[in-house]
Amino acid sequence: MRRDARANREKILTAATTLFAQQGVANVGMKDLARAAQIGVGTLYRNYPNKGALCMALIRDEMARYTTRENIYLDTTTDEPQTQLVTILQGYLDVRIAHEDFFTIIESETTPLEFTQLLQTPIYHDRIALLIRVLRRTQPKSSEGYLQFEADMVAAMLRSRVFAFERHQRHLSNQDLLTYILKLLNQ
């Protein structure tokens, strides 16, 4: 990537981080972002075709930190498998809650094709691999196919619309969500 293109991306990410923190993700328009980054709207759209793509870029590093941190935990822990599962799920719920607005925009501004492509990204694959890794420890007799399915279903349960509904309409706390997911997993 050219130096000026890299500089523009950095300006966009910095402006987005600032504006999203000040005004909320849903309240910031693409024109506002271009103005704050001191770039043209066309440059913004060339880098990020919609706000969902921009949010994905911003959350990518946080998700990488989460999976790295939790994989290190799994590499070094002597905790019981059940405790490991709780730790992994709690960590993801913490990230999910901290960045709920980002995930909502990512999922709402993607077409079905883009969403399918999202399921092919390293962010998704790393999260699913982490879940499979810990589920394998709690269910050593389960087939790989079943563990894959189970991990995908946990991820599906935590998609933005369902997650927001459970948190804001059903008034479930982070702890409630964790408890109920564990029950669904028969843990």
N, C-alpha and C. Protein backbone atom coordinates (compact mmCIF):
# COMPACT_ATOMS: atom_id res chain seq x y z
N MET A 1 0.84 -1.18 0.00
CA MET A 1 0.00 0.00 0.00
C MET A 1 0.89 1.24 0.00
N ARG A 2 0.52 2.22 -0.80
CA ARG A 2 1.29 3.46 -0.88
C ARG A 2 1.24 4.19 0.47
N ARG A 3 2.27 5.00 0.69
CA ARG A 3 2.38 5.73 1.95
C ARG A 3 1.19 6.67 2.15
N ASP A 4 0.77 7.40 1.10
CA ASP A 4 -0.36 8.32 1.25
C ASP A 4 -1.66 7.56 1.50
N ALA A 5 -1.84 6.41 0.88
CA ALA A 5 -3.04 5.60 1.12
C ALA A 5 -3.05 5.09 2.56
N ARG A 6 -1.89 4.66 3.04
CA ARG A 6 -1.77 4.20 4.42
C ARG A 6 -2.07 5.35 5.39
N ALA A 7 -1.57 6.55 5.07
CA ALA A 7 -1.83 7.72 5.91
C ALA A 7 -3.32 8.05 5.93
N ASN A 8 -3.98 7.95 4.78
CA ASN A 8 -5.42 8.21 4.73
C ASN A 8 -6.20 7.21 5.57
N ARG A 9 -5.83 5.95 5.48
CA ARG A 9 -6.51 4.93 6.29
C ARG A 9 -6.34 5.23 7.77
N GLU A 10 -5.14 5.61 8.15
CA GLU A 10 -4.89 5.94 9.56
C GLU A 10 -5.71 7.14 9.99
N LYS A 11 -5.79 8.15 9.14
CA LYS A 11 -6.62 9.33 9.46
C LYS A 11 -8.08 8.94 9.65
N ILE A 12 -8.55 8.08 8.76
CA ILE A 12 -9.95 7.64 8.84
C ILE A 12 -10.20 6.88 10.14
N LEU A 13 -9.33 5.94 10.46
CA LEU A 13 -9.50 5.14 11.68
C LEU A 13 -9.42 6.00 12.94
N THR A 14 -8.50 6.96 12.93
CA THR A 14 -8.37 7.86 14.08
C THR A 14 -9.62 8.73 14.23
N ALA A 15 -10.08 9.31 13.12
CA ALA A 15 -11.28 10.15 13.16
C ALA A 15 -12.49 9.33 13.59
N ALA A 16 -12.62 8.12 13.07
CA ALA A 16 -13.75 7.27 13.42
C ALA A 16 -13.74 6.93 14.91
N THR A 17 -12.58 6.57 15.41
CA THR A 17 -12.47 6.24 16.84
C THR A 17 -12.92 7.42 17.69
N THR A 18 -12.46 8.61 17.34
CA THR A 18 -12.81 9.81 18.10
C THR A 18 -14.30 10.13 17.99
N LEU A 19 -14.81 10.20 16.77
CA LEU A 19 -16.22 10.56 16.57
C LEU A 19 -17.16 9.51 17.16
N PHE A 20 -16.85 8.25 16.98
CA PHE A 20 -17.71 7.20 17.53
C PHE A 20 -17.76 7.28 19.05
N ALA A 21 -16.63 7.57 19.67
CA ALA A 21 -16.59 7.69 21.13
C ALA A 21 -17.39 8.91 21.59
N GLN A 22 -17.31 10.00 20.84
CA GLN A 22 -17.99 11.23 21.23
C GLN A 22 -19.49 11.19 20.96
N GLN A 23 -19.88 10.66 19.78
CA GLN A 23 -21.26 10.79 19.33
C GLN A 23 -22.03 9.47 19.24
N GLY A 24 -21.33 8.37 19.36
CA GLY A 24 -21.97 7.07 19.16
C GLY A 24 -21.88 6.67 17.70
N VAL A 25 -21.69 5.40 17.46
CA VAL A 25 -21.48 4.90 16.11
C VAL A 25 -22.67 5.23 15.20
N ALA A 26 -23.87 5.01 15.68
CA ALA A 26 -25.07 5.21 14.85
C ALA A 26 -25.29 6.67 14.48
N ASN A 27 -24.74 7.59 15.25
CA ASN A 27 -24.98 9.02 15.02
C ASN A 27 -23.97 9.69 14.11
N VAL A 28 -23.00 8.96 13.64
CA VAL A 28 -21.94 9.54 12.81
C VAL A 28 -22.14 9.10 11.37
N GLY A 29 -22.20 10.07 10.47
CA GLY A 29 -22.35 9.77 9.05
C GLY A 29 -20.99 9.71 8.36
N MET A 30 -21.00 9.14 7.18
CA MET A 30 -19.75 9.01 6.42
C MET A 30 -19.19 10.39 6.05
N LYS A 31 -20.05 11.35 5.75
CA LYS A 31 -19.56 12.71 5.44
C LYS A 31 -18.89 13.32 6.67
N ASP A 32 -19.46 13.07 7.84
CA ASP A 32 -18.84 13.57 9.09
C ASP A 32 -17.45 12.97 9.27
N LEU A 33 -17.33 11.69 8.96
CA LEU A 33 -16.03 11.02 9.08
C LEU A 33 -15.01 11.59 8.11
N ALA A 34 -15.43 11.81 6.87
CA ALA A 34 -14.51 12.37 5.87
C ALA A 34 -14.04 13.75 6.31
N ARG A 35 -14.97 14.56 6.78
CA ARG A 35 -14.62 15.91 7.24
C ARG A 35 -13.64 15.85 8.41
N ALA A 36 -13.91 15.00 9.38
CA ALA A 36 -13.04 14.90 10.56
C ALA A 36 -11.66 14.36 10.19
N ALA A 37 -11.61 13.48 9.20
CA ALA A 37 -10.32 12.91 8.77
C ALA A 37 -9.59 13.83 7.79
N GLN A 38 -10.27 14.88 7.39
CA GLN A 38 -9.71 15.85 6.43
C GLN A 38 -9.33 15.18 5.11
N ILE A 39 -10.26 14.38 4.62
CA ILE A 39 -10.10 13.72 3.33
C ILE A 39 -11.40 13.88 2.55
N GLY A 40 -11.36 13.57 1.29
CA GLY A 40 -12.57 13.62 0.48
C GLY A 40 -13.48 12.43 0.76
N VAL A 41 -14.77 12.63 0.52
CA VAL A 41 -15.74 11.55 0.73
C VAL A 41 -15.40 10.36 -0.17
N GLY A 42 -14.96 10.63 -1.40
CA GLY A 42 -14.58 9.55 -2.31
C GLY A 42 -13.44 8.71 -1.76
N THR A 43 -12.48 9.37 -1.15
CA THR A 43 -11.35 8.65 -0.54
C THR A 43 -11.85 7.75 0.59
N LEU A 44 -12.77 8.27 1.38
CA LEU A 44 -13.34 7.47 2.46
C LEU A 44 -14.03 6.22 1.90
N TYR A 45 -14.88 6.42 0.90
CA TYR A 45 -15.62 5.29 0.33
C TYR A 45 -14.72 4.31 -0.42
N ARG A 46 -13.61 4.78 -0.98
CA ARG A 46 -12.67 3.86 -1.62
C ARG A 46 -12.03 2.93 -0.57
N ASN A 47 -11.80 3.46 0.60
CA ASN A 47 -11.20 2.67 1.68
C ASN A 47 -12.23 1.82 2.41
N TYR A 48 -13.40 2.39 2.64
CA TYR A 48 -14.45 1.71 3.40
C TYR A 48 -15.78 1.99 2.72
N PRO A 49 -16.35 1.02 2.01
CA PRO A 49 -17.56 1.25 1.23
C PRO A 49 -18.79 1.58 2.07
N ASN A 50 -18.75 1.27 3.36
CA ASN A 50 -19.85 1.62 4.26
C ASN A 50 -19.32 1.64 5.69
N LYS A 51 -20.17 2.09 6.59
CA LYS A 51 -19.75 2.20 7.98
C LYS A 51 -19.48 0.83 8.60
N GLY A 52 -20.17 -0.18 8.12
CA GLY A 52 -19.93 -1.54 8.61
C GLY A 52 -18.50 -1.99 8.33
N ALA A 53 -18.00 -1.69 7.14
CA ALA A 53 -16.62 -2.06 6.79
C ALA A 53 -15.63 -1.31 7.67
N LEU A 54 -15.93 -0.06 7.96
CA LEU A 54 -15.08 0.74 8.84
C LEU A 54 -15.10 0.18 10.26
N CYS A 55 -16.28 -0.17 10.75
CA CYS A 55 -16.37 -0.76 12.09
C CYS A 55 -15.62 -2.09 12.14
N MET A 56 -15.68 -2.85 11.05
CA MET A 56 -14.95 -4.12 11.00
C MET A 56 -13.45 -3.88 11.14
N ALA A 57 -12.96 -2.86 10.46
CA ALA A 57 -11.53 -2.54 10.56
C ALA A 57 -11.16 -2.14 11.99
N LEU A 58 -12.05 -1.41 12.65
CA LEU A 58 -11.77 -0.97 14.01
C LEU A 58 -11.84 -2.12 15.01
N ILE A 59 -12.73 -3.07 14.80
CA ILE A 59 -12.90 -4.16 15.76
C ILE A 59 -11.91 -5.30 15.52
N ARG A 60 -11.33 -5.34 14.33
CA ARG A 60 -10.42 -6.43 13.96
C ARG A 60 -9.30 -6.60 14.99
N ASP A 61 -8.66 -5.52 15.38
CA ASP A 61 -7.55 -5.62 16.34
C ASP A 61 -8.03 -6.10 17.71
N GLU A 62 -9.20 -5.61 18.12
CA GLU A 62 -9.74 -6.03 19.42
C GLU A 62 -10.04 -7.53 19.42
N MET A 63 -10.61 -8.02 18.33
CA MET A 63 -10.91 -9.45 18.24
C MET A 63 -9.63 -10.28 18.18
N ALA A 64 -8.61 -9.78 17.51
CA ALA A 64 -7.33 -10.48 17.46
C ALA A 64 -6.71 -10.55 18.86
N ARG A 65 -6.80 -9.45 19.61
CA ARG A 65 -6.29 -9.46 20.99
C ARG A 65 -7.05 -10.47 21.84
N TYR A 66 -8.38 -10.50 21.67
CA TYR A 66 -9.20 -11.45 22.43
C TYR A 66 -8.78 -12.89 22.13
N THR A 67 -8.70 -13.27 20.86
CA THR A 67 -8.36 -14.66 20.54
C THR A 67 -6.93 -15.00 20.96
N THR A 68 -6.01 -14.07 20.82
CA THR A 68 -4.63 -14.31 21.26
C THR A 68 -4.59 -14.51 22.78
N ARG A 69 -5.24 -13.61 23.50
CA ARG A 69 -5.26 -13.69 24.97
C ARG A 69 -5.88 -15.01 25.43
N GLU A 70 -6.99 -15.40 24.84
CA GLU A 70 -7.67 -16.62 25.27
C GLU A 70 -6.91 -17.88 24.85
N ASN A 71 -6.25 -17.85 23.70
CA ASN A 71 -5.43 -19.00 23.30
C ASN A 71 -4.23 -19.16 24.24
N ILE A 72 -3.64 -18.05 24.65
CA ILE A 72 -2.55 -18.12 25.64
C ILE A 72 -3.07 -18.72 26.94
N TYR A 73 -4.26 -18.27 27.35
CA TYR A 73 -4.88 -18.83 28.55
C TYR A 73 -5.03 -20.35 28.41
N LEU A 74 -5.57 -20.80 27.28
CA LEU A 74 -5.76 -22.25 27.09
C LEU A 74 -4.44 -23.00 27.04
N ASP A 75 -3.40 -22.36 26.51
CA ASP A 75 -2.07 -22.99 26.45
C ASP A 75 -1.45 -23.17 27.83
N THR A 76 -1.80 -22.31 28.76
CA THR A 76 -1.09 -22.28 30.04
C THR A 76 -1.94 -22.67 31.25
N THR A 77 -3.23 -22.79 31.09
CA THR A 77 -4.09 -23.00 32.25
C THR A 77 -4.06 -24.44 32.77
N THR A 78 -4.31 -24.55 34.04
CA THR A 78 -4.54 -25.86 34.66
C THR A 78 -5.98 -25.93 35.18
N ASP A 79 -6.78 -24.93 34.81
CA ASP A 79 -8.19 -24.91 35.22
C ASP A 79 -8.93 -26.10 34.62
N GLU A 80 -10.00 -26.47 35.28
CA GLU A 80 -10.88 -27.53 34.76
C GLU A 80 -11.48 -27.08 33.43
N PRO A 81 -11.79 -28.02 32.53
CA PRO A 81 -12.37 -27.65 31.24
C PRO A 81 -13.62 -26.78 31.34
N GLN A 82 -14.47 -27.04 32.31
CA GLN A 82 -15.68 -26.23 32.49
C GLN A 82 -15.32 -24.78 32.79
N THR A 83 -14.34 -24.57 33.64
CA THR A 83 -13.88 -23.22 33.97
C THR A 83 -13.27 -22.56 32.74
N GLN A 84 -12.56 -23.33 31.94
CA GLN A 84 -11.98 -22.79 30.71
C GLN A 84 -13.08 -22.29 29.77
N LEU A 85 -14.14 -23.07 29.63
CA LEU A 85 -15.26 -22.67 28.77
C LEU A 85 -15.90 -21.38 29.29
N VAL A 86 -16.11 -21.31 30.58
CA VAL A 86 -16.69 -20.10 31.18
C VAL A 86 -15.79 -18.90 30.89
N THR A 87 -14.49 -19.07 31.06
CA THR A 87 -13.54 -17.97 30.82
C THR A 87 -13.59 -17.50 29.38
N ILE A 88 -13.60 -18.43 28.43
CA ILE A 88 -13.62 -18.08 27.01
C ILE A 88 -14.92 -17.36 26.65
N LEU A 89 -16.04 -17.90 27.09
CA LEU A 89 -17.33 -17.27 26.78
C LEU A 89 -17.47 -15.91 27.46
N GLN A 90 -17.01 -15.81 28.71
CA GLN A 90 -17.09 -14.53 29.42
C GLN A 90 -16.24 -13.48 28.71
N GLY A 91 -15.06 -13.86 28.26
CA GLY A 91 -14.21 -12.93 27.53
C GLY A 91 -14.88 -12.42 26.27
N TYR A 92 -15.53 -13.33 25.54
CA TYR A 92 -16.21 -12.90 24.31
C TYR A 92 -17.40 -12.00 24.64
N LEU A 93 -18.17 -12.35 25.64
CA LEU A 93 -19.30 -11.50 26.02
C LEU A 93 -18.82 -10.11 26.43
N ASP A 94 -17.70 -10.04 27.12
CA ASP A 94 -17.14 -8.74 27.50
C ASP A 94 -16.81 -7.90 26.27
N VAL A 95 -16.17 -8.52 25.28
CA VAL A 95 -15.85 -7.80 24.03
C VAL A 95 -17.13 -7.40 23.32
N ARG A 96 -18.08 -8.32 23.27
CA ARG A 96 -19.36 -8.09 22.58
C ARG A 96 -20.10 -6.90 23.19
N ILE A 97 -20.13 -6.84 24.50
CA ILE A 97 -20.82 -5.75 25.18
C ILE A 97 -20.07 -4.44 25.00
N ALA A 98 -18.75 -4.48 25.13
CA ALA A 98 -17.95 -3.26 24.99
C ALA A 98 -18.07 -2.64 23.60
N HIS A 99 -18.30 -3.47 22.59
CA HIS A 99 -18.35 -2.98 21.20
C HIS A 99 -19.68 -3.32 20.53
N GLU A 100 -20.74 -3.33 21.31
CA GLU A 100 -22.06 -3.71 20.79
C GLU A 100 -22.47 -2.86 19.59
N ASP A 101 -22.22 -1.56 19.65
CA ASP A 101 -22.59 -0.68 18.53
C ASP A 101 -21.85 -1.05 17.25
N PHE A 102 -20.58 -1.38 17.37
CA PHE A 102 -19.80 -1.76 16.19
C PHE A 102 -20.38 -3.02 15.54
N PHE A 103 -20.63 -4.04 16.36
CA PHE A 103 -21.16 -5.29 15.83
C PHE A 103 -22.53 -5.08 15.18
N THR A 104 -23.35 -4.23 15.78
CA THR A 104 -24.67 -3.95 15.22
C THR A 104 -24.55 -3.32 13.84
N ILE A 105 -23.67 -2.34 13.70
CA ILE A 105 -23.48 -1.68 12.40
C ILE A 105 -22.89 -2.66 11.40
N ILE A 106 -21.92 -3.45 11.81
CA ILE A 106 -21.30 -4.43 10.90
C ILE A 106 -22.37 -5.34 10.32
N GLU A 107 -23.23 -5.86 11.18
CA GLU A 107 -24.24 -6.81 10.71
C GLU A 107 -25.38 -6.13 9.96
N SER A 108 -25.72 -4.90 10.33
CA SER A 108 -26.85 -4.24 9.67
C SER A 108 -26.49 -3.65 8.32
N GLU A 109 -25.22 -3.34 8.11
CA GLU A 109 -24.82 -2.70 6.86
C GLU A 109 -24.15 -3.66 5.88
N THR A 110 -24.32 -4.94 6.12
CA THR A 110 -23.74 -5.90 5.18
C THR A 110 -24.86 -6.61 4.42
N THR A 111 -24.64 -6.82 3.15
CA THR A 111 -25.58 -7.57 2.33
C THR A 111 -25.44 -9.05 2.68
N PRO A 112 -26.40 -9.88 2.26
CA PRO A 112 -26.25 -11.32 2.52
C PRO A 112 -24.92 -11.88 1.98
N LEU A 113 -24.51 -11.43 0.80
CA LEU A 113 -23.23 -11.89 0.24
C LEU A 113 -22.07 -11.43 1.12
N GLU A 114 -22.09 -10.16 1.53
CA GLU A 114 -21.02 -9.65 2.40
C GLU A 114 -21.01 -10.38 3.73
N PHE A 115 -22.21 -10.72 4.25
CA PHE A 115 -22.26 -11.45 5.52
C PHE A 115 -21.64 -12.84 5.36
N THR A 116 -21.93 -13.50 4.24
CA THR A 116 -21.32 -14.80 3.97
C THR A 116 -19.81 -14.65 3.90
N GLN A 117 -19.34 -13.59 3.27
CA GLN A 117 -17.90 -13.34 3.19
C GLN A 117 -17.33 -13.06 4.58
N LEU A 118 -18.10 -12.39 5.42
CA LEU A 118 -17.67 -12.11 6.79
C LEU A 118 -17.41 -13.42 7.55
N LEU A 119 -18.21 -14.44 7.26
CA LEU A 119 -18.03 -15.73 7.91
C LEU A 119 -16.79 -16.47 7.43
N GLN A 120 -16.14 -15.93 6.41
CA GLN A 120 -14.91 -16.53 5.87
C GLN A 120 -13.66 -15.77 6.32
N THR A 121 -13.83 -14.74 7.13
CA THR A 121 -12.69 -13.92 7.55
C THR A 121 -11.92 -14.58 8.68
N PRO A 122 -10.65 -14.20 8.83
CA PRO A 122 -9.86 -14.72 9.96
C PRO A 122 -10.50 -14.40 11.31
N ILE A 123 -11.17 -13.26 11.44
CA ILE A 123 -11.81 -12.91 12.72
C ILE A 123 -12.80 -14.00 13.11
N TYR A 124 -13.65 -14.39 12.17
CA TYR A 124 -14.65 -15.41 12.47
C TYR A 124 -13.99 -16.77 12.68
N HIS A 125 -13.10 -17.14 11.78
CA HIS A 125 -12.45 -18.45 11.89
C HIS A 125 -11.66 -18.59 13.19
N ASP A 126 -10.96 -17.55 13.59
CA ASP A 126 -10.18 -17.61 14.83
C ASP A 126 -11.08 -17.76 16.05
N ARG A 127 -12.21 -17.06 16.04
CA ARG A 127 -13.15 -17.15 17.16
C ARG A 127 -13.77 -18.55 17.21
N ILE A 128 -14.15 -19.09 16.07
CA ILE A 128 -14.73 -20.42 16.03
C ILE A 128 -13.69 -21.47 16.44
N ALA A 129 -12.47 -21.34 15.96
CA ALA A 129 -11.40 -22.28 16.33
C ALA A 129 -11.17 -22.26 17.84
N LEU A 130 -11.23 -21.09 18.43
CA LEU A 130 -11.07 -20.96 19.88
C LEU A 130 -12.21 -21.69 20.60
N LEU A 131 -13.44 -21.46 20.15
CA LEU A 131 -14.58 -22.14 20.76
C LEU A 131 -14.47 -23.66 20.61
N ILE A 132 -14.10 -24.11 19.43
CA ILE A 132 -13.95 -25.56 19.21
C ILE A 132 -12.88 -26.11 20.14
N ARG A 133 -11.80 -25.39 20.27
CA ARG A 133 -10.70 -25.85 21.12
C ARG A 133 -11.16 -26.07 22.56
N VAL A 134 -11.93 -25.14 23.10
CA VAL A 134 -12.37 -25.29 24.48
C VAL A 134 -13.53 -26.29 24.57
N LEU A 135 -14.41 -26.32 23.58
CA LEU A 135 -15.50 -27.30 23.59
C LEU A 135 -14.95 -28.73 23.52
N ARG A 136 -13.89 -28.93 22.77
CA ARG A 136 -13.25 -30.25 22.67
C ARG A 136 -12.81 -30.72 24.06
N ARG A 137 -12.37 -29.80 24.90
CA ARG A 137 -11.93 -30.16 26.25
C ARG A 137 -13.11 -30.52 27.15
N THR A 138 -14.24 -29.86 26.92
CA THR A 138 -15.41 -30.15 27.77
C THR A 138 -16.21 -31.33 27.25
N GLN A 139 -16.01 -31.67 25.97
CA GLN A 139 -16.77 -32.77 25.35
C GLN A 139 -15.82 -33.65 24.53
N PRO A 140 -14.89 -34.33 25.18
CA PRO A 140 -13.85 -35.07 24.45
C PRO A 140 -14.39 -36.18 23.55
N LYS A 141 -15.60 -36.65 23.77
CA LYS A 141 -16.15 -37.74 22.94
C LYS A 141 -16.96 -37.23 21.75
N SER A 142 -17.16 -35.92 21.65
CA SER A 142 -17.94 -35.37 20.54
C SER A 142 -17.11 -35.35 19.27
N SER A 143 -17.79 -35.52 18.14
CA SER A 143 -17.10 -35.48 16.85
C SER A 143 -16.71 -34.05 16.50
N GLU A 144 -15.72 -33.93 15.63
CA GLU A 144 -15.28 -32.60 15.19
C GLU A 144 -16.42 -31.87 14.49
N GLY A 145 -17.21 -32.61 13.71
CA GLY A 145 -18.35 -32.01 13.01
C GLY A 145 -19.35 -31.42 13.99
N TYR A 146 -19.63 -32.15 15.07
CA TYR A 146 -20.56 -31.65 16.07
C TYR A 146 -19.99 -30.43 16.78
N LEU A 147 -18.72 -30.47 17.13
CA LEU A 147 -18.10 -29.33 17.81
C LEU A 147 -18.12 -28.09 16.92
N GLN A 148 -17.87 -28.28 15.62
CA GLN A 148 -17.94 -27.17 14.66
C GLN A 148 -19.35 -26.58 14.64
N PHE A 149 -20.35 -27.45 14.55
CA PHE A 149 -21.74 -27.01 14.55
C PHE A 149 -22.06 -26.25 15.84
N GLU A 150 -21.65 -26.80 16.95
CA GLU A 150 -21.94 -26.18 18.25
C GLU A 150 -21.29 -24.79 18.34
N ALA A 151 -20.05 -24.68 17.90
CA ALA A 151 -19.37 -23.38 17.91
C ALA A 151 -20.08 -22.38 17.00
N ASP A 152 -20.49 -22.82 15.81
CA ASP A 152 -21.22 -21.94 14.90
C ASP A 152 -22.54 -21.49 15.52
N MET A 153 -23.22 -22.38 16.24
CA MET A 153 -24.50 -22.03 16.85
C MET A 153 -24.31 -21.05 18.02
N VAL A 154 -23.25 -21.21 18.78
CA VAL A 154 -22.96 -20.23 19.83
C VAL A 154 -22.73 -18.86 19.20
N ALA A 155 -21.96 -18.83 18.12
CA ALA A 155 -21.71 -17.56 17.42
C ALA A 155 -23.02 -16.98 16.89
N ALA A 156 -23.89 -17.84 16.34
CA ALA A 156 -25.18 -17.36 15.81
C ALA A 156 -26.06 -16.79 16.91
N MET A 157 -26.03 -17.42 18.09
CA MET A 157 -26.84 -16.92 19.21
C MET A 157 -26.40 -15.52 19.62
N LEU A 158 -25.15 -15.20 19.36
CA LEU A 158 -24.62 -13.91 19.79
C LEU A 158 -24.55 -12.89 18.66
N ARG A 159 -25.25 -13.14 17.56
CA ARG A 159 -25.34 -12.13 16.50
C ARG A 159 -26.06 -10.91 17.06
N SER A 160 -25.82 -9.78 16.47
CA SER A 160 -26.25 -8.50 17.02
C SER A 160 -27.73 -8.40 17.34
N ARG A 161 -28.59 -8.77 16.41
CA ARG A 161 -30.02 -8.60 16.66
C ARG A 161 -30.50 -9.46 17.82
N VAL A 162 -30.06 -10.70 17.86
CA VAL A 162 -30.44 -11.59 18.95
C VAL A 162 -29.82 -11.10 20.26
N PHE A 163 -28.56 -10.76 20.21
CA PHE A 163 -27.84 -10.28 21.39
C PHE A 163 -28.52 -9.03 21.96
N ALA A 164 -28.82 -8.06 21.09
CA ALA A 164 -29.47 -6.82 21.53
C ALA A 164 -30.85 -7.11 22.10
N PHE A 165 -31.60 -8.00 21.45
CA PHE A 165 -32.93 -8.35 21.94
C PHE A 165 -32.84 -8.95 23.34
N GLU A 166 -31.96 -9.90 23.52
CA GLU A 166 -31.83 -10.54 24.83
C GLU A 166 -31.38 -9.56 25.91
N ARG A 167 -30.47 -8.68 25.56
CA ARG A 167 -29.96 -7.71 26.55
C ARG A 167 -30.96 -6.58 26.84
N HIS A 168 -31.57 -6.05 25.80
CA HIS A 168 -32.36 -4.82 25.98
C HIS A 168 -33.86 -5.05 26.08
N GLN A 169 -34.37 -6.12 25.49
CA GLN A 169 -35.80 -6.40 25.60
C GLN A 169 -36.09 -7.42 26.70
N ARG A 170 -35.25 -8.41 26.79
CA ARG A 170 -35.43 -9.44 27.83
C ARG A 170 -34.68 -9.06 29.11
N HIS A 171 -33.85 -8.03 29.02
CA HIS A 171 -33.10 -7.50 30.17
C HIS A 171 -32.18 -8.53 30.82
N LEU A 172 -31.53 -9.33 29.97
CA LEU A 172 -30.58 -10.31 30.49
C LEU A 172 -29.23 -9.65 30.71
N SER A 173 -28.64 -9.95 31.83
CA SER A 173 -27.30 -9.44 32.13
C SER A 173 -26.26 -10.31 31.43
N ASN A 174 -25.04 -9.85 31.47
CA ASN A 174 -23.92 -10.61 30.94
C ASN A 174 -23.88 -11.98 31.62
N GLN A 175 -24.06 -12.00 32.93
CA GLN A 175 -24.04 -13.26 33.68
C GLN A 175 -25.20 -14.16 33.28
N ASP A 176 -26.39 -13.58 33.08
CA ASP A 176 -27.54 -14.37 32.62
C ASP A 176 -27.23 -15.03 31.28
N LEU A 177 -26.71 -14.25 30.35
CA LEU A 177 -26.38 -14.78 29.02
C LEU A 177 -25.39 -15.94 29.14
N LEU A 178 -24.37 -15.75 29.94
CA LEU A 178 -23.36 -16.79 30.13
C LEU A 178 -23.99 -18.05 30.71
N THR A 179 -24.79 -17.89 31.74
CA THR A 179 -25.45 -19.03 32.39
C THR A 179 -26.34 -19.79 31.40
N TYR A 180 -27.12 -19.06 30.62
CA TYR A 180 -28.05 -19.70 29.68
C TYR A 180 -27.32 -20.37 28.52
N ILE A 181 -26.25 -19.77 28.05
CA ILE A 181 -25.46 -20.41 26.98
C ILE A 181 -24.86 -21.71 27.50
N LEU A 182 -24.33 -21.68 28.71
CA LEU A 182 -23.76 -22.90 29.30
C LEU A 182 -24.82 -23.99 29.45
N LYS A 183 -26.05 -23.59 29.83
CA LYS A 183 -27.13 -24.58 29.94
C LYS A 183 -27.45 -25.18 28.58
N LEU A 184 -27.49 -24.34 27.55
CA LEU A 184 -27.73 -24.85 26.20
C LEU A 184 -26.65 -25.83 25.76
N LEU A 185 -25.44 -25.59 26.22
CA LEU A 185 -24.32 -26.47 25.89
C LEU A 185 -24.24 -27.67 26.84
N ASN A 186 -25.24 -27.78 27.72
CA ASN A 186 -25.27 -28.86 28.72
C ASN A 186 -24.04 -28.86 29.60
N GLN A 187 -23.61 -27.68 29.99
CA GLN A 187 -22.42 -27.56 30.83
C GLN A 187 -22.84 -27.17 32.22
